[in-house]
């Protein structure tokens, strides 16, 4: 089993419903042994495209899936939520990214882990830090990235 950290976000339609659907699909997956979910956060979009704010969260999943198999599941969940990839950094019903997959460094045509943009995204780092628990390696990496990031975006944690 491997502990994977994923970031989830939505800014189209019923954002909460989209996130809850994705979380339910991840939890119900036959390969998910356990799952911990961060609070939801309201965040401003990045990338310069005018669009609504995002609702974001993160999950830590203890999974029996390989990284590539987990990526396939992530894409299935996005497609079930009618995710379209027409505009880079544009609006989306669902955005799921694998940020960490254990302590592995993966660089294939379809997957790069740790996620290359994670150090620049406070909306990814803060929720992961919230759920990292006793995972000292993730806590240290995420804390270092937070200390070094130029992203001063305000994110608002929901109760």
N, C-alpha and C. Protein backbone atom coordinates (compact mmCIF):
# COMPACT_ATOMS: atom_id res chain seq x y z
N UNK A 1 0.84 -1.19 0.00
CA UNK A 1 0.00 0.00 0.00
C UNK A 1 0.88 1.25 0.00
N UNK A 2 0.33 2.30 -0.57
CA UNK A 2 1.05 3.55 -0.69
C UNK A 2 0.14 4.70 -0.26
N UNK A 3 0.71 5.66 0.48
CA UNK A 3 -0.03 6.86 0.85
C UNK A 3 0.12 7.87 -0.28
N UNK A 4 -1.01 8.25 -0.86
CA UNK A 4 -1.04 9.24 -1.94
C UNK A 4 -1.79 10.46 -1.45
N UNK A 5 -1.32 11.63 -1.85
CA UNK A 5 -1.98 12.90 -1.52
C UNK A 5 -2.50 13.50 -2.81
N UNK A 6 -3.79 13.82 -2.82
CA UNK A 6 -4.44 14.38 -3.99
C UNK A 6 -5.04 15.74 -3.65
N UNK A 7 -5.05 16.62 -4.62
CA UNK A 7 -5.71 17.92 -4.50
C UNK A 7 -6.95 17.89 -5.37
N UNK A 8 -8.05 18.44 -4.84
CA UNK A 8 -9.32 18.49 -5.57
C UNK A 8 -9.82 19.91 -5.61
N UNK A 9 -10.40 20.29 -6.74
CA UNK A 9 -10.97 21.63 -6.84
C UNK A 9 -12.09 21.68 -7.86
N UNK A 10 -13.02 22.64 -7.65
CA UNK A 10 -14.13 22.84 -8.57
C UNK A 10 -14.53 24.31 -8.53
N UNK A 11 -14.86 24.88 -9.69
CA UNK A 11 -15.38 26.25 -9.71
C UNK A 11 -16.51 26.43 -10.72
N UNK A 12 -17.16 25.35 -11.11
CA UNK A 12 -18.28 25.41 -12.04
C UNK A 12 -19.45 24.64 -11.43
N UNK A 13 -20.63 25.24 -11.50
CA UNK A 13 -21.83 24.56 -11.02
C UNK A 13 -21.83 24.43 -9.51
N UNK A 14 -22.37 23.35 -9.02
CA UNK A 14 -22.45 23.09 -7.58
C UNK A 14 -21.10 22.52 -7.13
N UNK A 15 -20.19 23.41 -6.76
CA UNK A 15 -18.81 23.02 -6.42
C UNK A 15 -18.78 21.98 -5.30
N UNK A 16 -19.55 22.21 -4.26
CA UNK A 16 -19.56 21.28 -3.12
C UNK A 16 -20.03 19.88 -3.56
N UNK A 17 -21.08 19.85 -4.37
CA UNK A 17 -21.59 18.57 -4.86
C UNK A 17 -20.53 17.84 -5.68
N UNK A 18 -19.81 18.58 -6.53
CA UNK A 18 -18.76 17.96 -7.34
C UNK A 18 -17.66 17.36 -6.45
N UNK A 19 -17.24 18.11 -5.43
CA UNK A 19 -16.20 17.61 -4.54
C UNK A 19 -16.69 16.40 -3.74
N UNK A 20 -17.90 16.48 -3.23
CA UNK A 20 -18.44 15.35 -2.46
C UNK A 20 -18.56 14.10 -3.31
N UNK A 21 -18.94 14.26 -4.58
CA UNK A 21 -19.01 13.12 -5.49
C UNK A 21 -17.62 12.49 -5.65
N UNK A 22 -16.63 13.32 -5.92
CA UNK A 22 -15.27 12.81 -6.12
C UNK A 22 -14.76 12.11 -4.86
N UNK A 23 -15.01 12.71 -3.70
CA UNK A 23 -14.58 12.09 -2.44
C UNK A 23 -15.26 10.74 -2.24
N UNK A 24 -16.55 10.66 -2.55
CA UNK A 24 -17.27 9.39 -2.40
C UNK A 24 -16.70 8.32 -3.34
N UNK A 25 -16.36 8.72 -4.57
CA UNK A 25 -15.78 7.77 -5.52
C UNK A 25 -14.41 7.27 -5.06
N UNK A 26 -13.60 8.16 -4.54
CA UNK A 26 -12.29 7.77 -4.03
C UNK A 26 -12.44 6.83 -2.83
N UNK A 27 -13.36 7.16 -1.93
CA UNK A 27 -13.57 6.35 -0.73
C UNK A 27 -14.11 4.97 -1.09
N UNK A 28 -14.98 4.89 -2.10
CA UNK A 28 -15.61 3.63 -2.50
C UNK A 28 -14.70 2.74 -3.34
N UNK A 29 -13.60 3.28 -3.81
CA UNK A 29 -12.70 2.50 -4.67
C UNK A 29 -12.20 1.26 -3.93
N UNK A 30 -12.23 0.13 -4.60
CA UNK A 30 -11.83 -1.14 -4.00
C UNK A 30 -10.39 -1.12 -3.46
N UNK A 31 -9.55 -0.26 -3.99
CA UNK A 31 -8.14 -0.23 -3.59
C UNK A 31 -7.86 0.78 -2.48
N UNK A 32 -8.87 1.54 -2.07
CA UNK A 32 -8.68 2.51 -0.99
C UNK A 32 -8.81 1.80 0.34
N UNK A 33 -7.72 1.83 1.12
CA UNK A 33 -7.72 1.20 2.44
C UNK A 33 -8.20 2.19 3.49
N UNK A 34 -7.74 3.42 3.40
CA UNK A 34 -8.19 4.47 4.31
C UNK A 34 -8.05 5.81 3.60
N UNK A 35 -8.79 6.81 4.13
CA UNK A 35 -8.77 8.11 3.49
C UNK A 35 -9.03 9.19 4.53
N UNK A 36 -8.24 10.26 4.45
CA UNK A 36 -8.42 11.40 5.34
C UNK A 36 -8.61 12.63 4.46
N UNK A 37 -9.63 13.45 4.80
CA UNK A 37 -9.99 14.60 3.98
C UNK A 37 -9.77 15.89 4.75
N UNK A 38 -9.22 16.89 4.08
CA UNK A 38 -9.03 18.22 4.65
C UNK A 38 -10.36 18.98 4.63
N UNK A 39 -10.38 20.11 5.33
CA UNK A 39 -11.51 21.02 5.23
C UNK A 39 -11.62 21.51 3.79
N UNK A 40 -12.74 22.14 3.48
CA UNK A 40 -12.89 22.81 2.20
C UNK A 40 -12.36 24.23 2.33
N UNK A 41 -11.80 24.74 1.24
CA UNK A 41 -11.22 26.08 1.20
C UNK A 41 -11.78 26.83 -0.01
N UNK A 42 -12.07 28.10 0.15
CA UNK A 42 -12.44 28.97 -0.96
C UNK A 42 -11.17 29.66 -1.41
N UNK A 43 -10.88 29.58 -2.72
CA UNK A 43 -9.65 30.18 -3.24
C UNK A 43 -9.92 30.91 -4.55
N UNK A 44 -9.10 31.89 -4.81
CA UNK A 44 -9.18 32.60 -6.08
C UNK A 44 -8.51 31.77 -7.17
N UNK A 45 -9.00 31.87 -8.40
CA UNK A 45 -8.36 31.13 -9.49
C UNK A 45 -6.98 31.69 -9.82
N UNK A 46 -6.13 30.84 -10.38
CA UNK A 46 -4.81 31.27 -10.83
C UNK A 46 -4.76 31.16 -12.35
N UNK A 47 -3.82 31.85 -12.96
CA UNK A 47 -3.60 31.70 -14.39
C UNK A 47 -4.14 32.80 -15.26
N UNK A 48 -4.83 33.78 -14.68
CA UNK A 48 -5.24 34.94 -15.45
C UNK A 48 -6.56 34.83 -16.19
N UNK A 49 -7.18 33.65 -16.21
CA UNK A 49 -8.47 33.50 -16.87
C UNK A 49 -9.56 33.97 -15.91
N UNK A 50 -10.43 34.86 -16.37
CA UNK A 50 -11.52 35.36 -15.53
C UNK A 50 -12.52 34.22 -15.30
N UNK A 51 -12.76 33.91 -14.02
CA UNK A 51 -13.65 32.81 -13.67
C UNK A 51 -14.02 32.91 -12.19
N UNK A 52 -14.95 32.07 -11.77
CA UNK A 52 -15.40 32.06 -10.38
C UNK A 52 -14.33 31.46 -9.48
N UNK A 53 -14.46 31.75 -8.17
CA UNK A 53 -13.56 31.19 -7.18
C UNK A 53 -13.72 29.66 -7.12
N UNK A 54 -12.67 29.03 -6.64
CA UNK A 54 -12.66 27.58 -6.48
C UNK A 54 -13.05 27.18 -5.08
N UNK A 55 -13.58 25.98 -4.98
CA UNK A 55 -13.71 25.27 -3.72
C UNK A 55 -12.69 24.14 -3.81
N UNK A 56 -11.75 24.11 -2.85
CA UNK A 56 -10.66 23.14 -2.88
C UNK A 56 -10.63 22.31 -1.61
N UNK A 57 -10.03 21.15 -1.72
CA UNK A 57 -9.72 20.31 -0.58
C UNK A 57 -8.56 19.39 -0.98
N UNK A 58 -8.16 18.54 -0.06
CA UNK A 58 -7.12 17.54 -0.35
C UNK A 58 -7.48 16.27 0.40
N UNK A 59 -6.96 15.16 -0.11
CA UNK A 59 -7.15 13.87 0.56
C UNK A 59 -5.82 13.14 0.64
N UNK A 60 -5.69 12.38 1.71
CA UNK A 60 -4.60 11.42 1.86
C UNK A 60 -5.24 10.04 1.75
N UNK A 61 -4.80 9.27 0.78
CA UNK A 61 -5.40 7.96 0.53
C UNK A 61 -4.33 6.88 0.68
N UNK A 62 -4.61 5.92 1.51
CA UNK A 62 -3.77 4.73 1.58
C UNK A 62 -4.34 3.77 0.54
N UNK A 63 -3.62 3.57 -0.54
CA UNK A 63 -4.17 2.85 -1.70
C UNK A 63 -3.32 1.65 -2.10
N UNK A 64 -4.00 0.68 -2.68
CA UNK A 64 -3.32 -0.48 -3.26
C UNK A 64 -3.05 -0.27 -4.75
N UNK A 65 -3.53 0.85 -5.29
CA UNK A 65 -3.34 1.13 -6.71
C UNK A 65 -1.90 1.59 -6.99
N UNK A 66 -1.45 1.29 -8.19
CA UNK A 66 -0.20 1.87 -8.67
C UNK A 66 -0.47 3.34 -8.99
N UNK A 67 0.57 4.10 -9.17
CA UNK A 67 0.41 5.52 -9.50
C UNK A 67 -0.36 5.68 -10.81
N UNK A 68 -0.04 4.90 -11.82
CA UNK A 68 -0.73 5.00 -13.12
C UNK A 68 -2.19 4.58 -13.00
N UNK A 69 -2.46 3.57 -12.20
CA UNK A 69 -3.84 3.14 -12.00
C UNK A 69 -4.64 4.21 -11.24
N UNK A 70 -4.00 4.85 -10.27
CA UNK A 70 -4.65 5.94 -9.54
C UNK A 70 -4.94 7.10 -10.48
N UNK A 71 -4.01 7.40 -11.37
CA UNK A 71 -4.23 8.46 -12.35
C UNK A 71 -5.42 8.13 -13.25
N UNK A 72 -5.55 6.88 -13.65
CA UNK A 72 -6.70 6.47 -14.47
C UNK A 72 -8.01 6.67 -13.70
N UNK A 73 -8.02 6.34 -12.41
CA UNK A 73 -9.21 6.56 -11.58
C UNK A 73 -9.53 8.04 -11.48
N UNK A 74 -8.51 8.87 -11.27
CA UNK A 74 -8.69 10.31 -11.19
C UNK A 74 -9.33 10.85 -12.48
N UNK A 75 -8.84 10.38 -13.62
CA UNK A 75 -9.40 10.82 -14.90
C UNK A 75 -10.84 10.35 -15.08
N UNK A 76 -11.15 9.15 -14.61
CA UNK A 76 -12.53 8.65 -14.69
C UNK A 76 -13.46 9.53 -13.86
N UNK A 77 -13.02 9.91 -12.67
CA UNK A 77 -13.84 10.76 -11.80
C UNK A 77 -14.04 12.13 -12.44
N UNK A 78 -12.98 12.70 -12.99
CA UNK A 78 -13.10 13.99 -13.67
C UNK A 78 -14.08 13.90 -14.84
N UNK A 79 -13.98 12.84 -15.64
CA UNK A 79 -14.86 12.69 -16.80
C UNK A 79 -16.30 12.49 -16.37
N UNK A 80 -16.53 11.77 -15.28
CA UNK A 80 -17.90 11.59 -14.77
C UNK A 80 -18.51 12.91 -14.33
N UNK A 81 -17.65 13.87 -13.98
CA UNK A 81 -18.11 15.19 -13.57
C UNK A 81 -18.07 16.18 -14.75
N UNK A 82 -17.94 15.63 -15.96
CA UNK A 82 -17.97 16.42 -17.20
C UNK A 82 -16.82 17.44 -17.27
N UNK A 83 -15.65 16.99 -16.85
CA UNK A 83 -14.45 17.84 -16.93
C UNK A 83 -14.06 18.02 -18.39
N UNK A 84 -13.89 19.26 -18.80
CA UNK A 84 -13.42 19.56 -20.15
C UNK A 84 -12.09 20.30 -20.02
N UNK A 85 -11.18 20.03 -20.93
CA UNK A 85 -9.85 20.63 -20.91
C UNK A 85 -9.65 21.55 -22.10
N UNK A 86 -10.59 22.49 -22.29
CA UNK A 86 -10.52 23.39 -23.44
C UNK A 86 -9.59 24.57 -23.19
N UNK A 87 -9.61 25.11 -21.98
CA UNK A 87 -8.85 26.32 -21.66
C UNK A 87 -7.85 25.97 -20.56
N UNK A 88 -6.55 26.16 -20.86
CA UNK A 88 -5.52 25.91 -19.85
C UNK A 88 -5.78 26.83 -18.65
N UNK A 89 -5.83 26.25 -17.46
CA UNK A 89 -6.13 26.96 -16.21
C UNK A 89 -7.51 27.61 -16.24
N UNK A 90 -8.41 27.05 -17.04
CA UNK A 90 -9.75 27.60 -17.15
C UNK A 90 -10.70 26.99 -16.15
N UNK A 91 -11.98 27.39 -16.20
CA UNK A 91 -12.99 26.87 -15.29
C UNK A 91 -13.15 25.36 -15.45
N UNK A 92 -13.51 24.71 -14.37
CA UNK A 92 -13.69 23.26 -14.43
C UNK A 92 -14.65 22.77 -13.35
N UNK A 93 -15.42 21.76 -13.72
CA UNK A 93 -16.32 21.15 -12.75
C UNK A 93 -15.52 20.38 -11.71
N UNK A 94 -14.42 19.76 -12.17
CA UNK A 94 -13.61 18.95 -11.27
C UNK A 94 -12.17 18.95 -11.74
N UNK A 95 -11.27 19.17 -10.81
CA UNK A 95 -9.85 19.07 -11.08
C UNK A 95 -9.24 18.23 -9.97
N UNK A 96 -8.70 17.09 -10.32
CA UNK A 96 -8.04 16.19 -9.38
C UNK A 96 -6.60 16.03 -9.80
N UNK A 97 -5.67 16.25 -8.89
CA UNK A 97 -4.25 16.09 -9.18
C UNK A 97 -3.60 15.21 -8.12
N UNK A 98 -2.74 14.31 -8.57
CA UNK A 98 -1.91 13.53 -7.65
C UNK A 98 -0.71 14.41 -7.32
N UNK A 99 -0.57 14.76 -6.06
CA UNK A 99 0.51 15.65 -5.63
C UNK A 99 1.71 14.82 -5.18
N UNK A 100 1.46 13.84 -4.32
CA UNK A 100 2.50 12.92 -3.85
C UNK A 100 1.98 11.49 -3.99
N UNK A 101 2.89 10.57 -4.30
CA UNK A 101 2.57 9.15 -4.32
C UNK A 101 3.68 8.46 -3.52
N UNK A 102 3.42 8.28 -2.22
CA UNK A 102 4.47 7.77 -1.34
C UNK A 102 5.67 8.69 -1.40
N UNK A 103 6.85 8.11 -1.40
CA UNK A 103 8.06 8.93 -1.53
C UNK A 103 8.64 8.83 -2.95
N UNK A 104 7.79 8.39 -3.87
CA UNK A 104 8.25 8.19 -5.24
C UNK A 104 8.38 9.50 -6.01
N UNK A 105 9.36 9.52 -6.90
CA UNK A 105 9.52 10.59 -7.88
C UNK A 105 9.23 9.95 -9.23
N UNK A 106 8.17 10.41 -9.87
CA UNK A 106 7.71 9.82 -11.13
C UNK A 106 7.74 10.90 -12.20
N UNK A 107 8.27 10.56 -13.34
CA UNK A 107 8.29 11.51 -14.46
C UNK A 107 8.09 10.74 -15.75
N UNK A 108 6.81 10.56 -16.09
CA UNK A 108 6.45 9.88 -17.33
C UNK A 108 5.73 10.87 -18.24
N UNK A 109 5.34 10.38 -19.39
CA UNK A 109 4.62 11.24 -20.34
C UNK A 109 3.28 11.71 -19.77
N UNK A 110 2.68 10.91 -18.90
CA UNK A 110 1.34 11.21 -18.39
C UNK A 110 1.29 11.64 -16.92
N UNK A 111 2.37 11.46 -16.19
CA UNK A 111 2.33 11.74 -14.75
C UNK A 111 3.68 12.22 -14.24
N UNK A 112 3.65 13.31 -13.48
CA UNK A 112 4.84 13.80 -12.79
C UNK A 112 4.48 13.97 -11.32
N UNK A 113 5.23 13.29 -10.47
CA UNK A 113 5.03 13.33 -9.02
C UNK A 113 6.39 13.45 -8.36
N UNK A 114 6.55 14.36 -7.39
CA UNK A 114 5.55 15.30 -6.92
C UNK A 114 5.08 16.22 -8.04
N UNK A 115 3.85 16.69 -7.90
CA UNK A 115 3.26 17.55 -8.92
C UNK A 115 4.14 18.79 -9.07
N UNK A 116 4.54 19.12 -10.30
CA UNK A 116 5.51 20.21 -10.51
C UNK A 116 5.02 21.60 -10.10
N UNK A 117 3.71 21.82 -10.07
CA UNK A 117 3.18 23.14 -9.68
C UNK A 117 2.85 23.24 -8.20
N UNK A 118 2.90 22.13 -7.49
CA UNK A 118 2.52 22.14 -6.06
C UNK A 118 3.28 23.18 -5.24
N UNK A 119 4.59 23.34 -5.42
CA UNK A 119 5.30 24.33 -4.60
C UNK A 119 4.82 25.77 -4.81
N UNK A 120 4.10 26.02 -5.90
CA UNK A 120 3.63 27.36 -6.22
C UNK A 120 2.15 27.57 -5.92
N UNK A 121 1.54 26.63 -5.22
CA UNK A 121 0.10 26.68 -5.02
C UNK A 121 -0.27 26.51 -3.56
N UNK A 122 -0.47 27.63 -2.90
CA UNK A 122 -0.86 27.62 -1.48
C UNK A 122 -2.15 26.83 -1.27
N UNK A 123 -3.08 26.91 -2.25
CA UNK A 123 -4.36 26.20 -2.12
C UNK A 123 -4.21 24.68 -2.17
N UNK A 124 -3.06 24.21 -2.63
CA UNK A 124 -2.74 22.78 -2.60
C UNK A 124 -2.01 22.44 -1.31
N UNK A 125 -1.06 23.29 -0.94
CA UNK A 125 -0.16 22.99 0.19
C UNK A 125 -0.86 23.03 1.55
N UNK A 126 -1.66 24.05 1.79
CA UNK A 126 -2.27 24.18 3.12
C UNK A 126 -3.22 23.02 3.44
N UNK A 127 -4.09 22.62 2.53
CA UNK A 127 -4.93 21.45 2.85
C UNK A 127 -4.13 20.17 3.06
N UNK A 128 -3.05 19.97 2.29
CA UNK A 128 -2.23 18.77 2.48
C UNK A 128 -1.55 18.82 3.84
N UNK A 129 -1.03 19.97 4.21
CA UNK A 129 -0.41 20.09 5.53
C UNK A 129 -1.41 19.76 6.63
N UNK A 130 -2.64 20.18 6.45
CA UNK A 130 -3.70 19.92 7.43
C UNK A 130 -3.89 18.43 7.68
N UNK A 131 -3.79 17.60 6.65
CA UNK A 131 -4.10 16.17 6.78
C UNK A 131 -2.86 15.28 6.84
N UNK A 132 -1.67 15.89 6.87
CA UNK A 132 -0.45 15.08 6.81
C UNK A 132 -0.18 14.30 8.09
N UNK A 133 -0.86 14.65 9.18
CA UNK A 133 -0.77 13.86 10.41
C UNK A 133 0.65 13.63 10.86
N UNK A 134 1.01 12.37 11.00
CA UNK A 134 2.36 12.04 11.47
C UNK A 134 3.30 11.68 10.32
N UNK A 135 2.94 12.06 9.11
CA UNK A 135 3.79 11.84 7.94
C UNK A 135 4.84 12.95 7.90
N UNK A 136 5.93 12.75 8.63
CA UNK A 136 6.96 13.79 8.80
C UNK A 136 7.59 14.23 7.49
N UNK A 137 7.78 13.31 6.57
CA UNK A 137 8.41 13.67 5.29
C UNK A 137 7.51 14.64 4.50
N UNK A 138 6.21 14.37 4.47
CA UNK A 138 5.28 15.26 3.77
C UNK A 138 5.18 16.59 4.51
N UNK A 139 5.09 16.54 5.83
CA UNK A 139 5.03 17.79 6.61
C UNK A 139 6.24 18.67 6.34
N UNK A 140 7.41 18.07 6.33
CA UNK A 140 8.64 18.82 6.10
C UNK A 140 8.68 19.41 4.69
N UNK A 141 8.34 18.58 3.69
CA UNK A 141 8.36 19.06 2.29
C UNK A 141 7.36 20.18 2.08
N UNK A 142 6.13 19.98 2.55
CA UNK A 142 5.08 20.99 2.35
C UNK A 142 5.40 22.26 3.13
N UNK A 143 5.89 22.13 4.35
CA UNK A 143 6.27 23.31 5.14
C UNK A 143 7.39 24.09 4.47
N UNK A 144 8.36 23.38 3.91
CA UNK A 144 9.45 24.05 3.19
C UNK A 144 8.91 24.80 1.97
N UNK A 145 8.03 24.15 1.22
CA UNK A 145 7.45 24.80 0.05
C UNK A 145 6.63 26.02 0.44
N UNK A 146 5.87 25.92 1.53
CA UNK A 146 5.07 27.07 1.98
C UNK A 146 5.97 28.24 2.37
N UNK A 147 7.09 27.93 3.01
CA UNK A 147 8.01 28.98 3.43
C UNK A 147 8.67 29.66 2.24
N UNK A 148 8.83 28.93 1.14
CA UNK A 148 9.55 29.45 -0.03
C UNK A 148 8.64 29.99 -1.13
N UNK A 149 7.35 29.72 -1.07
CA UNK A 149 6.47 30.08 -2.19
C UNK A 149 6.29 31.58 -2.33
N UNK A 150 6.13 31.99 -3.57
CA UNK A 150 5.80 33.38 -3.87
C UNK A 150 4.29 33.57 -3.93
N UNK A 151 3.54 32.49 -3.73
CA UNK A 151 2.08 32.55 -3.78
C UNK A 151 1.57 33.09 -2.45
N UNK A 152 1.06 34.30 -2.48
CA UNK A 152 0.51 34.93 -1.27
C UNK A 152 -1.00 35.04 -1.38
N UNK A 153 -1.56 34.17 -2.21
CA UNK A 153 -2.99 34.12 -2.43
C UNK A 153 -3.71 33.86 -1.10
N UNK A 154 -4.80 34.56 -0.91
CA UNK A 154 -5.61 34.32 0.28
C UNK A 154 -6.50 33.12 0.04
N UNK A 155 -6.48 32.21 0.98
CA UNK A 155 -7.41 31.09 0.92
C UNK A 155 -8.18 31.09 2.23
N UNK A 156 -9.46 30.79 2.11
CA UNK A 156 -10.33 30.85 3.29
C UNK A 156 -10.83 29.46 3.62
N UNK A 157 -10.44 28.98 4.80
CA UNK A 157 -10.84 27.66 5.27
C UNK A 157 -12.28 27.73 5.77
N UNK A 158 -13.10 26.80 5.29
CA UNK A 158 -14.48 26.72 5.74
C UNK A 158 -14.57 25.79 6.95
N UNK A 159 -15.51 26.05 7.81
CA UNK A 159 -15.64 25.19 9.01
C UNK A 159 -16.43 23.95 8.72
